[in-house]
Amino acid sequence: MKSFVAALVLLGPAQAGLRFPCSTLTFQRLDPVVQPGSRPSTHVHHIVGGNAFNATMTGDVGERATCTTCQMSEDFSNYWTATLYFKHPTNGSYHRVPVLPVQPLLGGSNGAQGGITVYYTQFDLSRDNLKQQPIKAFQPGFRMTVGNPASTSRPPVGLTYQCLQGQSRGAELSDFPTKPCSGGIFTTHHFPACWDGKNLDSPDHQSHMYNTKRLNGFTNDPACPASHPVRVPQVTYETTWDTSKFNSLWPSGTPNPFVWSFEGTSGYGTHADYMFGWKGDSLQRAMDKSECFYDGCGSIKKQAMAVANQCTVKDMVGEETDGWLTKLPGM
């Protein structure tokens, strides 16, 4: 999707999948997928979703959570990415970049606080493909990651940056924008949609999945291979980082001053984690519906974002992650 206008065009009468906002749950150095039990983990994450989130998470997350920051009230999954920071070009201090709700908003989405927009698509954003390949919802205990914070080369297809200027999202980039963005930096994380059908996780948190995506955006992907034959929902995150307040501190002609919470040398290390936590068969019911979009065709319940915003978790690390910092937390 190249612009907000293009995104609105997509919201026609024949679309397939779910699209909904999740407000921010917390910013903390916790990562129950890659570093389970570590309190703290190596870098700060921006986390949304259910209040079962903790340093260690096993089993049926959806049964343990009692609230969620997501609009879909039966979705107690957790979704997280690294956190974006501004590194001051002069004194080297760091400041966490605020998060804005992704635009455009769909009906009933007003009131989200920060957070991300989550997609579960069946095929692409204009149709489903249920007759050719039914979608199998994830199982309790399932988790996966996409991207690699240690990467020094171009990230996988589907992990992109866009420079928001006015009503345009601009070109999809594999690295940080090289000039100030008046509307912020827009990041997208597409996860693989082919599962081996056996393992809820793997040692690298990626090998149990297979990515057939060949193009960026919400495009239909080739069939799943024999090694990973089960088509699961295409999970995607969109985040708007409000970099505009720092643009006046970015001297003209100097390199990009934004870094992820693990710093690194470029934006190639962009990555995201997912932990499934839908109640019962609620996600499967939505994925079984032909040409449903956003509201699950009435098969799953929504909550007002004012209610979602009341969901919280405690500070389990006890460190400052915002304001001007002399170094990144954990670095």
Protein backbone atom coordinates (compact mmCIF):
# COMPACT_ATOMS: atom_id res chain seq x y z
CA MET A 1 0.00 0.00 0.00
CA LYS A 2 1.65 3.16 -1.20
CA SER A 3 -0.53 5.79 0.41
CA PHE A 4 -3.37 6.39 2.81
CA VAL A 5 -5.67 6.91 -0.17
CA ALA A 6 -4.63 3.57 -1.62
CA ALA A 7 -5.28 1.97 1.73
CA LEU A 8 -8.79 3.35 1.81
CA VAL A 9 -9.48 1.96 -1.63
CA LEU A 10 -8.71 -1.48 -0.28
CA LEU A 11 -11.57 -1.28 2.17
CA GLY A 12 -14.19 -2.30 -0.35
CA PRO A 13 -16.96 -4.88 -0.08
CA ALA A 14 -14.97 -8.01 -1.02
CA GLN A 15 -11.93 -8.36 1.15
CA ALA A 16 -10.41 -11.19 3.08
CA GLY A 17 -8.97 -11.23 6.57
CA LEU A 18 -8.82 -9.16 9.73
CA ARG A 19 -7.42 -5.70 10.34
CA PHE A 20 -7.59 -4.15 13.79
CA PRO A 21 -5.68 -1.86 16.16
CA CYS A 22 -3.95 -2.87 19.38
CA SER A 23 -2.90 -0.12 21.80
CA THR A 24 0.50 -0.20 23.45
CA LEU A 25 0.65 -2.58 26.41
CA THR A 26 4.18 -1.77 27.62
CA PHE A 27 7.75 -0.89 26.70
CA GLN A 28 10.08 -3.27 28.53
CA ARG A 29 13.23 -5.35 28.13
CA LEU A 30 11.41 -8.69 27.99
CA ASP A 31 11.37 -11.35 25.26
CA PRO A 32 9.63 -14.62 26.20
CA VAL A 33 10.31 -16.12 22.74
CA VAL A 34 14.01 -15.48 22.12
CA GLN A 35 15.15 -15.03 25.73
CA PRO A 36 12.60 -16.80 27.94
CA GLY A 37 13.16 -16.23 31.65
CA SER A 38 15.55 -13.32 31.14
CA ARG A 39 14.56 -10.35 33.25
CA PRO A 40 15.71 -8.21 31.51
CA SER A 41 16.28 -9.27 27.91
CA THR A 42 18.96 -7.55 25.84
CA HIS A 43 16.89 -4.69 24.37
CA VAL A 44 13.62 -2.80 24.79
CA HIS A 45 10.51 -4.03 22.99
CA HIS A 46 7.25 -2.31 22.10
CA ILE A 47 4.58 -4.81 23.16
CA VAL A 48 0.83 -5.00 22.55
CA GLY A 49 -1.89 -7.54 23.30
CA GLY A 50 -2.89 -9.65 26.30
CA ASN A 51 -1.93 -9.12 29.92
CA ALA A 52 -0.47 -12.63 30.30
CA PHE A 53 2.73 -11.17 28.85
CA ASN A 54 5.71 -12.05 31.02
CA ALA A 55 9.38 -13.02 30.90
CA THR A 56 8.35 -16.65 30.43
CA MET A 57 5.23 -17.75 28.57
CA THR A 58 4.27 -21.35 27.83
CA GLY A 59 1.07 -23.23 27.06
CA ASP A 60 -2.28 -21.62 26.32
CA VAL A 61 -1.71 -17.87 26.69
CA GLY A 62 -5.31 -17.12 25.77
CA GLU A 63 -6.60 -19.02 28.78
CA ARG A 64 -4.41 -17.12 31.24
CA ALA A 65 -4.94 -13.54 30.06
CA THR A 66 -7.84 -11.53 31.44
CA CYS A 67 -7.68 -8.48 29.15
CA THR A 68 -6.12 -7.31 25.89
CA THR A 69 -5.15 -3.98 24.34
CA CYS A 70 -6.45 -5.26 20.98
CA GLN A 71 -9.83 -4.33 19.57
CA MET A 72 -10.67 -8.01 19.04
CA SER A 73 -11.71 -8.94 22.57
CA GLU A 74 -11.00 -12.66 22.08
CA ASP A 75 -7.43 -12.00 20.95
CA PHE A 76 -5.02 -12.32 23.88
CA SER A 77 -1.99 -12.87 21.65
CA ASN A 78 1.13 -10.79 22.13
CA TYR A 79 2.83 -8.89 19.34
CA TRP A 80 6.12 -7.05 19.71
CA THR A 81 8.96 -5.36 17.85
CA ALA A 82 12.17 -3.61 18.83
CA THR A 83 11.70 0.00 19.96
CA LEU A 84 12.83 2.96 17.85
CA TYR A 85 15.13 5.58 19.41
CA PHE A 86 16.51 8.91 18.22
CA LYS A 87 20.27 9.21 18.72
CA HIS A 88 21.29 12.86 19.14
CA PRO A 89 23.85 13.68 16.42
CA THR A 90 25.78 16.02 18.74
CA ASN A 91 25.87 14.58 22.25
CA GLY A 92 25.04 10.93 21.50
CA SER A 93 22.11 10.72 23.93
CA TYR A 94 19.01 8.67 23.12
CA HIS A 95 15.28 9.37 23.24
CA ARG A 96 12.50 6.85 22.66
CA VAL A 97 10.35 7.67 19.63
CA PRO A 98 6.59 7.88 20.41
CA VAL A 99 4.12 5.63 18.57
CA LEU A 100 0.98 6.83 16.80
CA PRO A 101 -2.06 4.77 15.76
CA VAL A 102 -1.78 3.71 12.12
CA GLN A 103 -3.93 5.71 9.69
CA PRO A 104 -6.44 5.40 8.14
CA LEU A 105 -8.65 4.18 10.98
CA LEU A 106 -11.56 1.87 10.27
CA GLY A 107 -14.98 2.18 11.85
CA GLY A 108 -14.93 1.83 15.63
CA SER A 109 -11.14 2.05 15.87
CA ASN A 110 -10.94 5.54 17.34
CA GLY A 111 -9.21 5.85 20.67
CA ALA A 112 -6.25 3.54 20.15
CA GLN A 113 -3.21 4.70 22.12
CA GLY A 114 0.03 4.16 20.22
CA GLY A 115 0.28 0.47 19.43
CA ILE A 116 0.22 -1.30 16.10
CA THR A 117 -2.28 -2.41 13.49
CA VAL A 118 -2.48 -6.18 13.10
CA TYR A 119 -3.57 -8.11 10.02
CA TYR A 120 -4.55 -11.76 9.62
CA THR A 121 -5.16 -12.29 5.91
CA GLN A 122 -6.34 -15.44 4.17
CA PHE A 123 -4.83 -14.77 0.74
CA ASP A 124 -4.51 -11.08 -0.06
CA LEU A 125 -6.55 -7.96 0.66
CA SER A 126 -9.02 -8.42 -2.20
CA ARG A 127 -10.05 -12.06 -1.94
CA ASP A 128 -9.73 -15.32 -0.08
CA ASN A 129 -8.50 -18.64 -1.46
CA LEU A 130 -10.37 -20.98 0.87
CA LYS A 131 -11.54 -23.44 -1.79
CA GLN A 132 -7.99 -24.04 -3.02
CA GLN A 133 -6.21 -23.94 0.34
CA PRO A 134 -8.09 -23.66 3.64
CA ILE A 135 -6.45 -21.62 6.38
CA LYS A 136 -5.46 -23.42 9.58
CA ALA A 137 -5.40 -21.21 12.68
CA PHE A 138 -2.41 -21.38 15.00
CA GLN A 139 -2.50 -23.68 18.04
CA PRO A 140 -2.00 -22.77 21.72
CA GLY A 141 1.71 -22.43 22.47
CA PHE A 142 2.60 -21.35 18.94
CA ARG A 143 5.20 -18.63 18.49
CA MET A 144 7.49 -17.32 15.74
CA THR A 145 9.81 -14.49 14.81
CA VAL A 146 10.72 -12.70 11.60
CA GLY A 147 13.90 -10.76 10.86
CA ASN A 148 17.19 -10.79 12.78
CA PRO A 149 18.64 -7.99 14.94
CA ALA A 150 22.17 -9.14 14.04
CA SER A 151 21.58 -8.88 10.29
CA THR A 152 23.97 -6.77 8.23
CA SER A 153 22.26 -7.45 4.90
CA ARG A 154 18.91 -6.62 3.36
CA PRO A 155 16.03 -8.06 5.45
CA PRO A 156 13.57 -10.64 4.05
CA VAL A 157 10.84 -9.54 1.67
CA GLY A 158 7.97 -8.06 3.67
CA LEU A 159 10.05 -6.14 6.22
CA THR A 160 10.00 -2.51 5.13
CA TYR A 161 10.27 1.16 6.07
CA GLN A 162 8.28 4.01 4.55
CA CYS A 163 8.77 7.76 4.95
CA LEU A 164 5.42 9.39 5.69
CA GLN A 165 5.04 12.75 3.93
CA GLY A 166 1.57 14.31 3.94
CA GLN A 167 -0.88 11.74 2.58
CA SER A 168 1.84 9.57 1.04
CA ARG A 169 3.62 6.62 2.59
CA GLY A 170 6.32 6.74 -0.05
CA ALA A 171 8.40 3.91 -1.44
CA GLU A 172 8.97 0.71 0.52
CA LEU A 173 12.57 0.70 1.75
CA SER A 174 14.77 -2.01 3.25
CA ASP A 175 16.60 0.49 5.47
CA PHE A 176 15.84 3.67 7.39
CA PRO A 177 14.84 6.73 5.33
CA THR A 178 17.77 9.02 4.56
CA LYS A 179 15.85 12.28 5.05
CA PRO A 180 13.41 13.63 7.66
CA CYS A 181 9.82 12.36 7.36
CA SER A 182 7.14 14.92 8.21
CA GLY A 183 4.62 12.25 9.24
CA GLY A 184 6.99 9.76 10.84
CA ILE A 185 8.54 6.43 9.88
CA PHE A 186 6.16 3.61 8.99
CA THR A 187 7.38 0.05 9.55
CA THR A 188 5.83 -3.20 8.32
CA HIS A 189 6.55 -6.77 9.40
CA HIS A 190 5.06 -9.62 7.33
CA PHE A 191 5.45 -13.08 8.87
CA PRO A 192 5.70 -16.34 6.89
CA ALA A 193 2.39 -18.09 6.20
CA CYS A 194 3.52 -21.72 5.71
CA TRP A 195 3.86 -24.02 8.76
CA ASP A 196 5.40 -27.49 9.03
CA GLY A 197 2.21 -28.62 10.78
CA LYS A 198 4.09 -30.16 13.70
CA ASN A 199 6.24 -27.78 15.71
CA LEU A 200 4.86 -24.89 17.74
CA ASP A 201 8.37 -23.41 17.80
CA SER A 202 11.89 -24.21 16.60
CA PRO A 203 15.37 -23.49 18.00
CA ASP A 204 15.75 -20.38 15.83
CA HIS A 205 12.01 -19.57 16.13
CA GLN A 206 11.77 -19.49 12.33
CA SER A 207 12.57 -22.93 10.85
CA HIS A 208 9.10 -24.32 11.60
CA MET A 209 7.82 -21.66 9.18
CA TYR A 210 8.49 -21.04 5.48
CA ASN A 211 8.16 -17.77 3.61
CA THR A 212 6.88 -17.96 0.03
CA LYS A 213 6.49 -14.19 -0.24
CA ARG A 214 8.19 -12.78 -3.33
CA LEU A 215 6.94 -9.17 -3.27
CA ASN A 216 6.38 -6.57 -0.58
CA GLY A 217 2.84 -5.63 0.35
CA PHE A 218 -0.35 -7.64 0.71
CA THR A 219 0.12 -9.84 -2.34
CA ASN A 220 -0.90 -13.43 -2.94
CA ASP A 221 1.98 -15.82 -2.35
CA PRO A 222 2.95 -19.10 -4.05
CA ALA A 223 1.69 -22.39 -2.63
CA CYS A 224 3.32 -23.83 0.47
CA PRO A 225 6.08 -26.42 -0.09
CA ALA A 226 5.84 -30.06 0.98
CA SER A 227 8.17 -29.39 3.91
CA HIS A 228 5.77 -26.76 5.30
CA PRO A 229 2.41 -27.75 3.82
CA VAL A 230 -0.02 -26.00 6.19
CA ARG A 231 -1.22 -22.54 5.19
CA VAL A 232 -1.76 -20.39 8.28
CA PRO A 233 -3.00 -16.80 8.43
CA GLN A 234 -0.61 -14.20 7.01
CA VAL A 235 0.21 -12.14 10.11
CA THR A 236 1.38 -8.56 9.55
CA TYR A 237 2.20 -5.66 11.86
CA GLU A 238 2.16 -1.98 10.92
CA THR A 239 3.63 0.69 13.21
CA THR A 240 3.85 4.47 12.89
CA TRP A 241 6.83 5.94 14.74
CA ASP A 242 6.35 9.69 15.33
CA THR A 243 9.83 10.87 14.37
CA SER A 244 8.58 14.37 13.48
CA LYS A 245 9.45 15.91 16.86
CA PHE A 246 13.13 15.09 16.24
CA ASN A 247 13.42 16.39 12.68
CA SER A 248 14.67 19.79 13.80
CA LEU A 249 17.56 18.02 15.55
CA TRP A 250 18.61 16.20 12.35
CA PRO A 251 21.22 18.42 10.64
CA SER A 252 20.81 18.69 6.90
CA GLY A 253 22.97 16.27 4.95
CA THR A 254 23.92 14.09 7.92
CA PRO A 255 23.17 10.35 8.19
CA ASN A 256 19.94 8.94 9.59
CA PRO A 257 19.94 9.43 13.39
CA PHE A 258 17.31 6.80 14.27
CA VAL A 259 18.33 3.43 15.72
CA TRP A 260 16.57 0.37 17.05
CA SER A 261 16.85 -0.39 20.76
CA PHE A 262 19.75 -2.76 20.04
CA GLU A 263 21.36 0.05 17.99
CA GLY A 264 23.15 -1.88 15.23
CA THR A 265 24.58 -0.15 12.20
CA SER A 266 21.46 0.15 10.01
CA GLY A 267 17.79 -0.71 9.78
CA TYR A 268 18.56 -4.17 8.42
CA GLY A 269 18.07 -5.62 11.91
CA THR A 270 14.34 -4.87 12.00
CA HIS A 271 12.47 -7.84 13.50
CA ALA A 272 9.29 -8.87 15.25
CA ASP A 273 7.91 -11.61 17.53
CA TYR A 274 4.50 -13.26 17.68
CA MET A 275 2.87 -15.42 20.36
CA PHE A 276 -0.56 -16.85 19.61
CA GLY A 277 -3.26 -16.33 22.23
CA TRP A 278 -6.75 -16.28 20.67
CA LYS A 279 -9.52 -17.75 22.83
CA GLY A 280 -10.76 -21.16 21.78
CA ASP A 281 -11.60 -21.40 18.08
CA SER A 282 -12.28 -17.69 17.58
CA LEU A 283 -9.50 -17.13 15.03
CA GLN A 284 -10.42 -20.29 13.12
CA ARG A 285 -14.03 -19.11 12.90
CA ALA A 286 -12.88 -15.85 11.36
CA MET A 287 -10.52 -17.54 8.91
CA ASP A 288 -13.28 -19.91 7.76
CA LYS A 289 -15.44 -17.02 6.58
CA SER A 290 -15.36 -16.16 2.90
CA GLU A 291 -14.68 -12.53 2.03
CA CYS A 292 -14.61 -11.25 5.59
CA PHE A 293 -12.61 -8.22 6.56
CA TYR A 294 -11.83 -6.44 9.79
CA ASP A 295 -14.69 -7.61 12.00
CA GLY A 296 -14.48 -11.36 11.45
CA CYS A 297 -17.86 -11.28 9.69
CA GLY A 298 -19.49 -11.00 13.08
CA SER A 299 -17.94 -14.26 14.23
CA ILE A 300 -15.69 -12.68 16.87
CA LYS A 301 -16.35 -9.95 19.38
CA LYS A 302 -14.91 -6.44 19.40
CA GLN A 303 -14.39 -4.08 22.31
CA ALA A 304 -14.20 -0.31 22.46
CA MET A 305 -10.64 0.97 22.43
CA ALA A 306 -11.44 2.87 25.64
CA VAL A 307 -11.84 -0.55 27.28
CA ALA A 308 -8.77 -1.99 25.56
CA ASN A 309 -6.67 0.92 26.81
CA GLN A 310 -7.36 -0.07 30.43
CA CYS A 311 -5.44 -3.32 30.03
CA THR A 312 -1.98 -3.13 31.61
CA VAL A 313 0.91 -5.21 32.91
CA LYS A 314 3.29 -4.34 35.72
CA ASP A 315 6.83 -3.07 35.21
CA MET A 316 8.86 -6.26 35.58
CA VAL A 317 12.29 -4.73 34.87
CA GLY A 318 12.28 -1.41 36.71
CA GLU A 319 14.33 0.82 34.43
CA GLU A 320 13.77 4.06 32.55
CA THR A 321 13.21 3.57 28.83
CA ASP A 322 12.05 7.09 27.90
CA GLY A 323 13.36 10.63 28.17
CA TRP A 324 16.92 11.58 27.27
CA LEU A 325 19.21 8.67 28.14
CA THR A 326 23.00 8.58 28.08
CA LYS A 327 22.86 5.04 26.69
CA LEU A 328 20.28 2.57 25.46
CA PRO A 329 18.84 0.30 28.17
CA GLY A 330 20.95 -2.84 28.31
CA MET A 331 23.76 -1.45 26.18
